[in-house]
Amino acid sequence: MIRLTDFFDVVRTMLAALLIAAGFNLFLVPHQLLSGGLSGISMMIGYFTGWNIGLLYFLINLPVLVWGWVAVGRRFVVLSIVSVLATTWIMQVIPESSVNTDPIIGAVFGGVLIGFGTGYSLRTGGSSGGFDIIGSILTNRYDFPLGMLLFALNGAVVMALGLVLGWDAALRSMLSIFIAGKVVDMVHIRHIKVTAFIVTKRREEMTRRLLVLPRGITLIKTEGAYSHTPHDMLMTVTTRYELAELRKIVKETDPSAFVNIVETAEVIGQFRKLR
């Protein structure tokens, strides 16, 4: 059964796709600049071959979406599929026409739009496809140094552009990717892993629902310093890709719960829940 909240999540995902598509077709593509991830690869292929970049974006994301569906098979991937399809369609509607003449301004504003779109997709509970799905799969199974991997992959794409089309375009693309990353950090979160501390009066129901996620939970007895009222606190370490789903579960289970989410630099020990 489709709930009203699910409908609004799809609408928000499509609005995020609109921002991403506008960033591509109005700012980056007219100046032959790249974004990060698989979209950057699709752009580079499109520049060299003249093929439709929107369709390339969909085709390159397709095997990753299928992999995510098989490996993860959850709400995150469904919303990511909606995002990729919507972005592909909107890129066919918005003409590849620059709204400015300065490629540096194109890199800046393109990065801002793509960053807002990507960050908003992550806050909704999905992603814009590409490396975010790969990141979700890897962090779902392993304690993986994902940040360095994504940096290396994006760097390789930009290096290839620099070798073929010149370093001015490559450096402007790096500026766009950097700005997009900073905007994602502002809209969503910076770290791949976060720790959530949840103080609730509905321990049993909250624990049961959170255990659906692939992370373990630690139960801690607490007491209010002022009221001396006993409470239960649940502590769990999760990833940026699962954070929206965790927020949704907490809000539905106990709207009055106190939640503190902090960035986690490193996890030592068992990260994925033992089954």
Protein backbone atom coordinates (compact mmCIF):
# COMPACT_ATOMS: atom_id res chain seq x y z
CA MET A 1 0.00 0.00 0.00
CA ILE A 2 1.38 3.40 -1.06
CA ARG A 3 1.24 5.92 1.77
CA LEU A 4 0.96 9.70 1.41
CA THR A 5 4.49 10.10 2.80
CA ASP A 6 5.82 7.81 0.05
CA PHE A 7 4.09 9.97 -2.57
CA PHE A 8 5.70 13.12 -1.17
CA ASP A 9 9.09 11.38 -1.12
CA VAL A 10 8.73 10.67 -4.84
CA VAL A 11 7.75 14.30 -5.49
CA ARG A 12 10.77 15.56 -3.52
CA THR A 13 13.02 13.14 -5.40
CA MET A 14 11.74 14.48 -8.73
CA LEU A 15 12.32 18.07 -7.60
CA ALA A 16 15.90 17.09 -6.72
CA ALA A 17 16.23 15.50 -10.17
CA LEU A 18 15.07 18.80 -11.71
CA LEU A 19 17.91 20.65 -9.95
CA ILE A 20 20.46 18.07 -11.07
CA ALA A 21 19.27 18.08 -14.68
CA ALA A 22 19.30 21.90 -14.74
CA GLY A 23 22.83 21.91 -13.38
CA PHE A 24 23.90 19.52 -16.13
CA ASN A 25 22.19 21.07 -19.16
CA LEU A 26 22.31 24.76 -18.28
CA PHE A 27 25.76 25.06 -16.69
CA LEU A 28 28.11 22.09 -17.13
CA VAL A 29 27.37 20.49 -20.50
CA PRO A 30 27.39 23.75 -22.56
CA HIS A 31 30.92 24.46 -21.28
CA GLN A 32 32.03 20.81 -21.61
CA LEU A 33 32.58 20.43 -17.88
CA LEU A 34 32.17 17.30 -15.78
CA SER A 35 30.30 16.46 -12.62
CA GLY A 36 31.45 13.74 -10.24
CA GLY A 37 30.57 10.05 -10.38
CA LEU A 38 28.96 8.13 -13.22
CA SER A 39 27.33 11.29 -14.56
CA GLY A 40 30.82 12.65 -15.24
CA ILE A 41 31.67 9.50 -17.19
CA SER A 42 28.48 9.84 -19.25
CA MET A 43 29.34 13.48 -19.99
CA MET A 44 32.85 12.64 -21.11
CA ILE A 45 31.59 9.89 -23.44
CA GLY A 46 28.96 12.29 -24.78
CA TYR A 47 31.56 14.99 -25.50
CA PHE A 48 33.72 12.55 -27.46
CA THR A 49 30.95 10.77 -29.39
CA GLY A 50 28.15 13.32 -29.68
CA TRP A 51 25.68 10.84 -28.14
CA ASN A 52 22.81 11.98 -25.96
CA ILE A 53 24.25 12.56 -22.48
CA GLY A 54 20.90 12.04 -20.74
CA LEU A 55 20.48 8.59 -22.26
CA LEU A 56 24.12 7.75 -21.53
CA TYR A 57 23.50 8.78 -17.91
CA PHE A 58 20.64 6.31 -17.72
CA LEU A 59 22.46 3.45 -19.48
CA ILE A 60 25.59 3.77 -17.33
CA ASN A 61 23.50 3.90 -14.15
CA LEU A 62 21.32 0.95 -15.19
CA PRO A 63 23.69 -1.90 -14.18
CA VAL A 64 24.45 -0.12 -10.90
CA LEU A 65 20.72 0.23 -10.20
CA VAL A 66 20.20 -3.47 -10.93
CA TRP A 67 23.13 -4.35 -8.67
CA GLY A 68 21.66 -2.17 -5.93
CA TRP A 69 18.23 -3.77 -6.32
CA VAL A 70 19.73 -7.25 -5.96
CA ALA A 71 22.26 -6.44 -3.24
CA VAL A 72 20.22 -3.98 -1.18
CA GLY A 73 16.64 -4.16 -2.44
CA ARG A 74 15.12 -1.43 -0.30
CA ARG A 75 13.54 2.01 -0.31
CA PHE A 76 16.89 3.71 -0.96
CA VAL A 77 17.29 1.97 -4.33
CA VAL A 78 13.65 2.55 -5.34
CA LEU A 79 14.00 6.30 -4.80
CA SER A 80 17.36 6.23 -6.59
CA ILE A 81 15.69 4.60 -9.61
CA VAL A 82 13.04 7.35 -9.56
CA SER A 83 15.82 9.95 -9.42
CA VAL A 84 17.78 8.51 -12.36
CA LEU A 85 14.65 8.11 -14.52
CA ALA A 86 13.44 11.63 -13.69
CA THR A 87 16.87 13.17 -14.34
CA THR A 88 17.12 11.37 -17.70
CA TRP A 89 13.66 12.55 -18.75
CA ILE A 90 14.16 16.15 -17.61
CA MET A 91 17.49 16.31 -19.47
CA GLN A 92 15.53 15.61 -22.66
CA VAL A 93 13.19 18.51 -21.86
CA ILE A 94 15.71 21.15 -20.76
CA PRO A 95 17.83 22.27 -23.75
CA GLU A 96 21.61 22.12 -23.55
CA SER A 97 21.94 25.87 -23.62
CA SER A 98 24.19 27.91 -21.36
CA VAL A 99 22.62 30.73 -19.38
CA ASN A 100 26.03 32.37 -18.97
CA THR A 101 29.19 32.89 -21.00
CA ASP A 102 31.82 32.39 -18.29
CA PRO A 103 32.71 28.71 -17.77
CA ILE A 104 33.90 29.38 -14.21
CA ILE A 105 30.47 30.77 -13.30
CA GLY A 106 28.99 27.71 -15.00
CA ALA A 107 31.16 25.44 -12.85
CA VAL A 108 30.15 27.27 -9.65
CA PHE A 109 26.40 27.42 -10.23
CA GLY A 110 26.31 23.97 -11.82
CA GLY A 111 28.02 22.57 -8.73
CA VAL A 112 25.57 24.38 -6.44
CA LEU A 113 22.49 23.03 -8.25
CA ILE A 114 23.87 19.48 -8.45
CA GLY A 115 24.94 19.61 -4.80
CA PHE A 116 21.50 20.76 -3.66
CA GLY A 117 19.80 18.11 -5.79
CA THR A 118 22.06 15.31 -4.58
CA GLY A 119 21.87 16.38 -0.94
CA TYR A 120 18.09 16.69 -1.09
CA SER A 121 17.84 13.21 -2.63
CA LEU A 122 19.93 11.82 0.24
CA ARG A 123 17.78 13.61 2.85
CA THR A 124 14.67 12.15 1.23
CA GLY A 125 16.11 8.65 1.54
CA GLY A 126 17.39 7.97 -1.96
CA SER A 127 20.28 9.18 -4.09
CA SER A 128 21.06 10.54 -7.52
CA GLY A 129 22.44 7.15 -8.56
CA GLY A 130 25.98 6.29 -9.53
CA PHE A 131 28.65 6.17 -6.84
CA ASP A 132 26.10 6.73 -4.04
CA ILE A 133 24.49 3.36 -4.81
CA ILE A 134 27.91 1.72 -4.95
CA GLY A 135 28.67 3.40 -1.62
CA SER A 136 25.42 2.12 -0.13
CA ILE A 137 26.21 -1.44 -1.22
CA LEU A 138 29.77 -1.36 0.10
CA THR A 139 28.97 0.27 3.42
CA ASN A 140 26.02 -2.09 3.83
CA ARG A 141 28.42 -5.05 3.79
CA TYR A 142 31.85 -3.80 4.77
CA ASP A 143 33.59 -1.19 6.89
CA PHE A 144 35.05 0.28 3.72
CA PRO A 145 37.23 3.43 3.26
CA LEU A 146 34.72 4.75 0.76
CA GLY A 147 35.72 8.42 0.80
CA MET A 148 39.16 7.76 -0.65
CA LEU A 149 37.73 5.38 -3.28
CA LEU A 150 35.19 7.96 -4.50
CA PHE A 151 37.87 10.66 -4.52
CA ALA A 152 40.16 8.43 -6.61
CA LEU A 153 37.40 7.54 -9.10
CA ASN A 154 36.36 11.17 -9.55
CA GLY A 155 40.01 12.16 -9.87
CA ALA A 156 40.56 9.58 -12.63
CA VAL A 157 37.61 10.92 -14.63
CA VAL A 158 38.85 14.51 -14.33
CA MET A 159 42.41 13.49 -15.24
CA ALA A 160 41.10 11.82 -18.39
CA LEU A 161 39.26 15.01 -19.33
CA GLY A 162 42.41 17.06 -18.75
CA LEU A 163 44.51 14.80 -20.96
CA VAL A 164 42.02 14.94 -23.82
CA LEU A 165 40.29 18.35 -23.70
CA GLY A 166 42.83 20.37 -21.76
CA TRP A 167 43.55 21.24 -18.16
CA ASP A 168 41.44 24.39 -18.05
CA ALA A 169 38.28 22.29 -18.48
CA ALA A 170 39.59 19.71 -15.99
CA LEU A 171 40.35 22.31 -13.31
CA ARG A 172 36.96 23.96 -13.75
CA SER A 173 35.37 20.52 -13.43
CA MET A 174 37.27 19.94 -10.19
CA LEU A 175 35.89 23.26 -8.93
CA SER A 176 32.36 22.15 -9.78
CA ILE A 177 32.82 18.75 -8.07
CA PHE A 178 34.31 20.43 -4.99
CA ILE A 179 31.43 22.91 -4.69
CA ALA A 180 28.83 20.17 -5.23
CA GLY A 181 30.45 18.13 -2.45
CA LYS A 182 30.42 21.08 -0.06
CA VAL A 183 26.74 21.79 -0.79
CA VAL A 184 25.88 18.11 -0.20
CA ASP A 185 27.67 18.38 3.15
CA MET A 186 25.58 21.44 4.00
CA VAL A 187 22.25 19.91 2.96
CA HIS A 188 22.88 16.39 4.24
CA ILE A 189 25.90 15.19 6.26
CA ARG A 190 29.64 15.03 5.65
CA HIS A 191 30.73 11.69 7.07
CA ILE A 192 29.89 8.30 5.61
CA LYS A 193 29.21 6.91 9.12
CA VAL A 194 27.21 8.48 11.93
CA THR A 195 26.22 7.41 15.44
CA ALA A 196 22.63 7.89 16.58
CA PHE A 197 21.68 8.10 20.27
CA ILE A 198 17.92 7.68 20.70
CA VAL A 199 16.24 8.27 24.07
CA THR A 200 12.73 6.81 23.95
CA LYS A 201 9.91 5.53 26.12
CA ARG A 202 8.96 2.97 23.48
CA ARG A 203 12.03 0.78 23.67
CA GLU A 204 10.54 -2.51 22.47
CA GLU A 205 8.80 -1.12 19.39
CA MET A 206 11.72 1.12 18.50
CA THR A 207 14.22 -1.74 18.82
CA ARG A 208 12.07 -4.07 16.75
CA ARG A 209 11.77 -1.57 13.90
CA LEU A 210 15.41 -0.49 13.94
CA LEU A 211 16.61 -4.08 13.82
CA VAL A 212 15.26 -4.22 10.28
CA LEU A 213 18.28 -2.11 9.35
CA PRO A 214 21.57 -4.00 8.86
CA ARG A 215 23.15 -2.49 11.99
CA GLY A 216 23.42 -3.62 15.56
CA ILE A 217 21.87 -1.70 18.47
CA THR A 218 23.16 -1.19 22.01
CA LEU A 219 20.60 -0.64 24.79
CA ILE A 220 21.64 1.71 27.62
CA LYS A 221 19.68 2.50 30.78
CA THR A 222 19.56 6.26 31.43
CA GLU A 223 17.99 8.64 33.91
CA GLY A 224 16.89 12.24 33.52
CA ALA A 225 19.15 14.46 35.65
CA TYR A 226 16.35 16.86 36.53
CA SER A 227 13.30 14.59 36.71
CA HIS A 228 15.15 11.40 37.78
CA THR A 229 12.82 9.58 35.38
CA PRO A 230 14.31 6.35 33.99
CA HIS A 231 14.62 6.10 30.22
CA ASP A 232 16.07 3.74 27.64
CA MET A 233 18.70 4.90 25.17
CA LEU A 234 19.43 3.06 21.94
CA MET A 235 22.82 3.57 20.31
CA THR A 236 23.50 2.52 16.74
CA VAL A 237 26.15 3.31 14.13
CA THR A 238 24.75 3.71 10.63
CA THR A 239 25.67 5.25 7.27
CA ARG A 240 24.63 8.43 5.51
CA TYR A 241 22.63 6.31 3.05
CA GLU A 242 20.52 4.73 5.82
CA LEU A 243 20.09 7.88 7.91
CA ALA A 244 16.88 9.05 6.22
CA GLU A 245 15.28 5.66 6.83
CA LEU A 246 16.36 5.77 10.49
CA ARG A 247 14.86 9.26 10.90
CA LYS A 248 11.61 8.02 9.36
CA ILE A 249 11.41 5.02 11.72
CA VAL A 250 12.06 7.15 14.82
CA LYS A 251 9.48 9.77 13.82
CA GLU A 252 6.80 7.15 13.15
CA THR A 253 7.53 5.09 16.27
CA ASP A 254 8.03 7.80 18.89
CA PRO A 255 7.64 11.43 17.73
CA SER A 256 8.68 12.65 21.20
CA ALA A 257 11.96 10.69 21.21
CA PHE A 258 15.17 12.64 21.79
CA VAL A 259 17.71 11.89 19.06
CA ASN A 260 21.34 13.00 18.89
CA ILE A 261 23.22 12.20 15.68
CA VAL A 262 27.00 12.69 15.65
CA GLU A 263 29.62 12.15 12.99
CA THR A 264 31.74 9.01 13.37
CA ALA A 265 35.34 9.14 12.20
CA GLU A 266 36.13 5.44 12.60
CA VAL A 267 34.54 2.18 13.69
CA ILE A 268 36.65 -0.62 15.18
CA GLY A 269 34.99 -3.99 15.48
CA GLN A 270 31.78 -5.42 14.07
CA PHE A 271 30.00 -2.74 12.02
CA ARG A 272 27.45 -4.85 10.17
CA LYS A 273 24.82 -6.66 12.23
CA LEU A 274 25.52 -10.35 12.77
CA ARG A 275 22.71 -12.55 11.43
